[in-house]
Amino acid sequence: MALIRIKNLALQTFIGFNPEEKVNKQEVIINLEMEVDVPAHALETDDPEGIYDYKKITKQVISLVEEGRFHLLEVLTHKILVLVMENQKVKKAIVQVDKPGALRFAESVSAEMEARR
């Protein structure tokens, strides 16, 4: 097993239900943590065959977030988690999505969700 982290993926999306949030994209910061199987042969041979492709999931997350429209931070977080868990190599995942500047006196608001097999 390996723990793979994608840290501080900064993306733009439509997030929120206030009128200005529906017409202006806002930044969200995404952190992913995935516990994945690593084939023994990959560790012995340094061959990427059968290894979890974190670049591929990152591209999928980017597409989901940047092309989507979301009212709730929780819904965005859940959709990313479902996407990550589609790959059977992922045994556990934690997704955290921050919305900087969502509250006047706070750096950000975040939602975090976890799933495991």
N, C-alpha and C. Protein backbone atom coordinates (compact mmCIF):
# COMPACT_ATOMS: atom_id res chain seq x y z
N MET A 1 0.84 -1.19 0.00
CA MET A 1 0.00 0.00 0.00
C MET A 1 0.88 1.25 0.00
N ALA A 2 0.34 2.29 -0.60
CA ALA A 2 1.00 3.59 -0.60
C ALA A 2 -0.04 4.66 -0.34
N LEU A 3 0.40 5.72 0.27
CA LEU A 3 -0.46 6.87 0.52
C LEU A 3 -0.02 7.97 -0.44
N ILE A 4 -0.90 8.33 -1.36
CA ILE A 4 -0.59 9.35 -2.35
C ILE A 4 -1.40 10.59 -1.99
N ARG A 5 -0.72 11.72 -1.96
CA ARG A 5 -1.37 12.99 -1.66
C ARG A 5 -1.20 13.96 -2.82
N ILE A 6 -2.27 14.60 -3.18
CA ILE A 6 -2.23 15.71 -4.13
C ILE A 6 -2.62 16.92 -3.29
N LYS A 7 -1.68 17.87 -3.20
CA LYS A 7 -1.85 18.98 -2.26
C LYS A 7 -2.09 20.31 -2.97
N ASN A 8 -3.06 21.03 -2.45
CA ASN A 8 -3.31 22.42 -2.85
C ASN A 8 -3.51 22.60 -4.35
N LEU A 9 -4.37 21.78 -4.92
CA LEU A 9 -4.75 21.90 -6.32
C LEU A 9 -5.72 23.08 -6.42
N ALA A 10 -5.26 24.18 -6.98
CA ALA A 10 -6.05 25.42 -7.03
C ALA A 10 -6.77 25.49 -8.37
N LEU A 11 -8.12 25.50 -8.31
CA LEU A 11 -8.94 25.51 -9.51
C LEU A 11 -10.01 26.58 -9.41
N GLN A 12 -10.61 26.91 -10.54
CA GLN A 12 -11.68 27.89 -10.62
C GLN A 12 -12.98 27.18 -11.01
N THR A 13 -14.07 27.50 -10.31
CA THR A 13 -15.36 26.91 -10.62
C THR A 13 -16.48 27.83 -10.17
N PHE A 14 -17.68 27.54 -10.64
CA PHE A 14 -18.87 28.23 -10.15
C PHE A 14 -19.31 27.48 -8.90
N ILE A 15 -19.25 28.15 -7.75
CA ILE A 15 -19.60 27.52 -6.48
C ILE A 15 -20.37 28.51 -5.62
N GLY A 16 -21.57 28.13 -5.24
CA GLY A 16 -22.39 28.98 -4.39
C GLY A 16 -23.75 29.22 -5.01
N PHE A 17 -24.60 29.85 -4.23
CA PHE A 17 -25.96 30.10 -4.71
C PHE A 17 -26.34 31.58 -4.66
N ASN A 18 -25.42 32.43 -4.24
CA ASN A 18 -25.67 33.87 -4.31
C ASN A 18 -25.56 34.32 -5.76
N PRO A 19 -26.29 35.36 -6.14
CA PRO A 19 -26.30 35.80 -7.55
C PRO A 19 -24.90 36.01 -8.14
N GLU A 20 -23.99 36.67 -7.41
CA GLU A 20 -22.66 36.91 -7.96
C GLU A 20 -21.84 35.62 -8.10
N GLU A 21 -22.14 34.64 -7.26
CA GLU A 21 -21.42 33.35 -7.34
C GLU A 21 -21.86 32.53 -8.55
N LYS A 22 -23.04 32.82 -9.06
CA LYS A 22 -23.54 32.09 -10.22
C LYS A 22 -22.95 32.60 -11.54
N VAL A 23 -22.38 33.81 -11.51
CA VAL A 23 -21.84 34.38 -12.75
C VAL A 23 -20.32 34.56 -12.72
N ASN A 24 -19.72 34.42 -11.55
CA ASN A 24 -18.27 34.58 -11.42
C ASN A 24 -17.65 33.33 -10.84
N LYS A 25 -16.66 32.79 -11.54
CA LYS A 25 -15.94 31.63 -11.00
C LYS A 25 -15.15 32.06 -9.77
N GLN A 26 -15.01 31.12 -8.86
CA GLN A 26 -14.23 31.35 -7.64
C GLN A 26 -13.18 30.26 -7.50
N GLU A 27 -12.16 30.57 -6.74
CA GLU A 27 -11.11 29.59 -6.49
C GLU A 27 -11.54 28.59 -5.43
N VAL A 28 -11.22 27.35 -5.66
CA VAL A 28 -11.31 26.30 -4.64
C VAL A 28 -9.95 25.63 -4.57
N ILE A 29 -9.60 25.19 -3.39
CA ILE A 29 -8.33 24.49 -3.16
C ILE A 29 -8.67 23.06 -2.76
N ILE A 30 -8.13 22.11 -3.51
CA ILE A 30 -8.47 20.70 -3.31
C ILE A 30 -7.25 19.94 -2.82
N ASN A 31 -7.47 19.13 -1.78
CA ASN A 31 -6.45 18.23 -1.27
C ASN A 31 -7.03 16.82 -1.31
N LEU A 32 -6.28 15.91 -1.92
CA LEU A 32 -6.69 14.52 -2.04
C LEU A 32 -5.67 13.64 -1.34
N GLU A 33 -6.17 12.64 -0.64
CA GLU A 33 -5.31 11.63 -0.02
C GLU A 33 -5.89 10.28 -0.40
N MET A 34 -5.07 9.43 -1.03
CA MET A 34 -5.55 8.14 -1.52
C MET A 34 -4.63 7.01 -1.07
N GLU A 35 -5.20 6.03 -0.45
CA GLU A 35 -4.47 4.82 -0.09
C GLU A 35 -4.68 3.83 -1.22
N VAL A 36 -3.59 3.44 -1.87
CA VAL A 36 -3.69 2.62 -3.06
C VAL A 36 -2.81 1.37 -2.98
N ASP A 37 -3.24 0.35 -3.68
CA ASP A 37 -2.42 -0.85 -3.83
C ASP A 37 -1.26 -0.54 -4.77
N VAL A 38 -0.11 -1.08 -4.45
CA VAL A 38 1.06 -0.97 -5.32
C VAL A 38 1.48 -2.39 -5.67
N PRO A 39 1.46 -2.74 -6.96
CA PRO A 39 1.87 -4.09 -7.35
C PRO A 39 3.32 -4.37 -6.92
N ALA A 40 3.55 -5.57 -6.42
CA ALA A 40 4.90 -5.95 -5.97
C ALA A 40 5.92 -5.82 -7.09
N HIS A 41 5.51 -6.21 -8.30
CA HIS A 41 6.47 -6.13 -9.42
C HIS A 41 6.91 -4.70 -9.68
N ALA A 42 6.04 -3.72 -9.44
CA ALA A 42 6.40 -2.32 -9.66
C ALA A 42 7.49 -1.90 -8.68
N LEU A 43 7.39 -2.37 -7.45
CA LEU A 43 8.40 -2.04 -6.45
C LEU A 43 9.74 -2.72 -6.73
N GLU A 44 9.66 -3.91 -7.32
CA GLU A 44 10.88 -4.66 -7.60
C GLU A 44 11.56 -4.22 -8.90
N THR A 45 10.76 -3.82 -9.89
CA THR A 45 11.31 -3.55 -11.22
C THR A 45 11.31 -2.07 -11.61
N ASP A 46 10.65 -1.23 -10.80
CA ASP A 46 10.49 0.19 -11.12
C ASP A 46 9.72 0.37 -12.43
N ASP A 47 8.83 -0.59 -12.73
CA ASP A 47 8.00 -0.57 -13.93
C ASP A 47 6.62 -0.02 -13.55
N PRO A 48 6.14 1.00 -14.25
CA PRO A 48 4.87 1.62 -13.89
C PRO A 48 3.62 0.82 -14.28
N GLU A 49 3.78 -0.32 -14.92
CA GLU A 49 2.64 -1.14 -15.32
C GLU A 49 1.78 -1.50 -14.10
N GLY A 50 0.50 -1.15 -14.17
CA GLY A 50 -0.43 -1.51 -13.11
C GLY A 50 -0.43 -0.57 -11.90
N ILE A 51 0.37 0.49 -11.99
CA ILE A 51 0.46 1.42 -10.86
C ILE A 51 -0.70 2.43 -10.94
N TYR A 52 -1.10 2.99 -9.81
CA TYR A 52 -2.16 4.00 -9.78
C TYR A 52 -1.68 5.26 -10.49
N ASP A 53 -2.47 5.76 -11.40
CA ASP A 53 -2.09 6.91 -12.22
C ASP A 53 -2.63 8.20 -11.61
N TYR A 54 -1.85 8.86 -10.76
CA TYR A 54 -2.32 10.07 -10.09
C TYR A 54 -2.43 11.25 -11.05
N LYS A 55 -1.70 11.22 -12.14
CA LYS A 55 -1.83 12.29 -13.13
C LYS A 55 -3.20 12.21 -13.81
N LYS A 56 -3.64 11.00 -14.09
CA LYS A 56 -4.94 10.80 -14.74
C LYS A 56 -6.08 11.28 -13.84
N ILE A 57 -6.06 10.92 -12.57
CA ILE A 57 -7.14 11.33 -11.67
C ILE A 57 -7.11 12.84 -11.48
N THR A 58 -5.94 13.44 -11.47
CA THR A 58 -5.84 14.89 -11.34
C THR A 58 -6.51 15.58 -12.53
N LYS A 59 -6.26 15.08 -13.73
CA LYS A 59 -6.89 15.64 -14.92
C LYS A 59 -8.41 15.49 -14.87
N GLN A 60 -8.88 14.35 -14.36
CA GLN A 60 -10.32 14.12 -14.24
C GLN A 60 -10.95 15.07 -13.23
N VAL A 61 -10.26 15.28 -12.11
CA VAL A 61 -10.75 16.22 -11.09
C VAL A 61 -10.80 17.63 -11.67
N ILE A 62 -9.76 18.03 -12.37
CA ILE A 62 -9.72 19.36 -12.99
C ILE A 62 -10.92 19.55 -13.92
N SER A 63 -11.17 18.57 -14.75
CA SER A 63 -12.29 18.64 -15.69
C SER A 63 -13.63 18.74 -14.94
N LEU A 64 -13.84 17.88 -13.95
CA LEU A 64 -15.08 17.90 -13.17
C LEU A 64 -15.31 19.26 -12.53
N VAL A 65 -14.28 19.80 -11.91
CA VAL A 65 -14.42 21.04 -11.15
C VAL A 65 -14.57 22.24 -12.09
N GLU A 66 -13.70 22.36 -13.06
CA GLU A 66 -13.71 23.56 -13.90
C GLU A 66 -14.89 23.61 -14.86
N GLU A 67 -15.45 22.46 -15.22
CA GLU A 67 -16.59 22.43 -16.14
C GLU A 67 -17.93 22.39 -15.41
N GLY A 68 -17.89 22.23 -14.08
CA GLY A 68 -19.13 22.08 -13.32
C GLY A 68 -19.65 23.37 -12.73
N ARG A 69 -20.85 23.27 -12.21
CA ARG A 69 -21.51 24.34 -11.45
C ARG A 69 -22.09 23.70 -10.20
N PHE A 70 -21.79 24.29 -9.06
CA PHE A 70 -22.19 23.69 -7.79
C PHE A 70 -22.77 24.75 -6.87
N HIS A 71 -23.86 24.42 -6.21
CA HIS A 71 -24.40 25.31 -5.19
C HIS A 71 -23.67 25.09 -3.87
N LEU A 72 -23.42 23.82 -3.54
CA LEU A 72 -22.90 23.47 -2.23
C LEU A 72 -21.48 22.92 -2.29
N LEU A 73 -20.66 23.36 -1.35
CA LEU A 73 -19.30 22.85 -1.21
C LEU A 73 -19.33 21.34 -0.94
N GLU A 74 -20.32 20.91 -0.18
CA GLU A 74 -20.44 19.49 0.16
C GLU A 74 -20.70 18.64 -1.08
N VAL A 75 -21.48 19.16 -2.02
CA VAL A 75 -21.77 18.41 -3.25
C VAL A 75 -20.51 18.30 -4.10
N LEU A 76 -19.77 19.38 -4.24
CA LEU A 76 -18.51 19.33 -4.98
C LEU A 76 -17.56 18.32 -4.36
N THR A 77 -17.43 18.35 -3.04
CA THR A 77 -16.55 17.42 -2.34
C THR A 77 -16.97 15.98 -2.58
N HIS A 78 -18.26 15.72 -2.50
CA HIS A 78 -18.79 14.37 -2.70
C HIS A 78 -18.52 13.89 -4.14
N LYS A 79 -18.74 14.73 -5.12
CA LYS A 79 -18.53 14.34 -6.52
C LYS A 79 -17.06 13.99 -6.78
N ILE A 80 -16.16 14.74 -6.19
CA ILE A 80 -14.73 14.43 -6.34
C ILE A 80 -14.43 13.09 -5.68
N LEU A 81 -14.97 12.86 -4.50
CA LEU A 81 -14.75 11.60 -3.79
C LEU A 81 -15.26 10.41 -4.60
N VAL A 82 -16.44 10.53 -5.15
CA VAL A 82 -17.00 9.45 -5.98
C VAL A 82 -16.09 9.18 -7.18
N LEU A 83 -15.61 10.24 -7.82
CA LEU A 83 -14.70 10.09 -8.96
C LEU A 83 -13.43 9.35 -8.57
N VAL A 84 -12.84 9.73 -7.46
CA VAL A 84 -11.60 9.10 -6.99
C VAL A 84 -11.83 7.62 -6.68
N MET A 85 -12.96 7.31 -6.05
CA MET A 85 -13.24 5.92 -5.64
C MET A 85 -13.65 5.01 -6.79
N GLU A 86 -13.86 5.56 -7.99
CA GLU A 86 -14.19 4.71 -9.15
C GLU A 86 -13.05 3.75 -9.47
N ASN A 87 -11.82 4.16 -9.19
CA ASN A 87 -10.67 3.29 -9.46
C ASN A 87 -10.55 2.26 -8.34
N GLN A 88 -10.58 0.99 -8.70
CA GLN A 88 -10.56 -0.10 -7.72
C GLN A 88 -9.23 -0.20 -6.96
N LYS A 89 -8.19 0.43 -7.46
CA LYS A 89 -6.91 0.42 -6.75
C LYS A 89 -6.97 1.28 -5.48
N VAL A 90 -7.92 2.21 -5.45
CA VAL A 90 -8.06 3.10 -4.29
C VAL A 90 -8.82 2.37 -3.20
N LYS A 91 -8.18 2.18 -2.06
CA LYS A 91 -8.80 1.48 -0.93
C LYS A 91 -9.43 2.46 0.05
N LYS A 92 -8.88 3.66 0.11
CA LYS A 92 -9.41 4.69 1.00
C LYS A 92 -9.06 6.04 0.37
N ALA A 93 -9.98 6.99 0.51
CA ALA A 93 -9.72 8.33 0.00
C ALA A 93 -10.30 9.36 0.95
N ILE A 94 -9.59 10.46 1.06
CA ILE A 94 -10.07 11.62 1.79
C ILE A 94 -9.96 12.81 0.85
N VAL A 95 -11.06 13.54 0.72
CA VAL A 95 -11.10 14.71 -0.15
C VAL A 95 -11.45 15.92 0.71
N GLN A 96 -10.66 16.96 0.60
CA GLN A 96 -10.93 18.21 1.29
C GLN A 96 -10.98 19.31 0.24
N VAL A 97 -12.05 20.11 0.28
CA VAL A 97 -12.19 21.24 -0.64
C VAL A 97 -12.36 22.51 0.18
N ASP A 98 -11.48 23.47 -0.05
CA ASP A 98 -11.54 24.77 0.62
C ASP A 98 -12.09 25.82 -0.34
N LYS A 99 -12.87 26.72 0.21
CA LYS A 99 -13.38 27.87 -0.53
C LYS A 99 -12.84 29.12 0.16
N PRO A 100 -11.69 29.62 -0.32
CA PRO A 100 -11.08 30.79 0.31
C PRO A 100 -12.02 32.00 0.25
N GLY A 101 -12.01 32.77 1.31
CA GLY A 101 -12.78 34.00 1.34
C GLY A 101 -14.28 33.84 1.44
N ALA A 102 -14.75 32.65 1.75
CA ALA A 102 -16.20 32.42 1.83
C ALA A 102 -16.83 33.14 3.02
N LEU A 103 -16.05 33.31 4.07
CA LEU A 103 -16.54 34.02 5.26
C LEU A 103 -15.65 35.24 5.51
N ARG A 104 -16.25 36.27 5.94
CA ARG A 104 -15.58 37.55 6.09
C ARG A 104 -14.33 37.52 6.97
N PHE A 105 -14.37 36.85 8.09
CA PHE A 105 -13.24 36.87 9.02
C PHE A 105 -12.46 35.56 9.06
N ALA A 106 -12.68 34.71 8.07
CA ALA A 106 -12.00 33.41 8.02
C ALA A 106 -11.19 33.30 6.73
N GLU A 107 -10.08 32.60 6.81
CA GLU A 107 -9.26 32.37 5.63
C GLU A 107 -10.03 31.58 4.58
N SER A 108 -10.76 30.55 5.03
CA SER A 108 -11.54 29.74 4.11
C SER A 108 -12.55 28.92 4.88
N VAL A 109 -13.44 28.31 4.12
CA VAL A 109 -14.35 27.30 4.63
C VAL A 109 -14.03 26.03 3.87
N SER A 110 -14.05 24.88 4.55
CA SER A 110 -13.75 23.65 3.84
C SER A 110 -14.75 22.57 4.20
N ALA A 111 -14.88 21.64 3.27
CA ALA A 111 -15.65 20.41 3.50
C ALA A 111 -14.70 19.24 3.26
N GLU A 112 -14.83 18.21 4.09
CA GLU A 112 -13.98 17.04 3.97
C GLU A 112 -14.84 15.79 4.04
N MET A 113 -14.58 14.85 3.13
CA MET A 113 -15.31 13.59 3.11
C MET A 113 -14.32 12.45 2.89
N GLU A 114 -14.72 11.28 3.37
CA GLU A 114 -13.85 10.10 3.33
C GLU A 114 -14.67 8.89 2.89
N ALA A 115 -14.01 8.00 2.15
CA ALA A 115 -14.63 6.72 1.78
C ALA A 115 -13.55 5.64 1.81
N ARG A 116 -14.01 4.42 2.05
CA ARG A 116 -13.08 3.28 2.05
C ARG A 116 -13.79 2.05 1.54
N ARG A 117 -13.00 1.11 1.05
CA ARG A 117 -13.53 -0.19 0.61
C ARG A 117 -13.37 -1.17 1.73
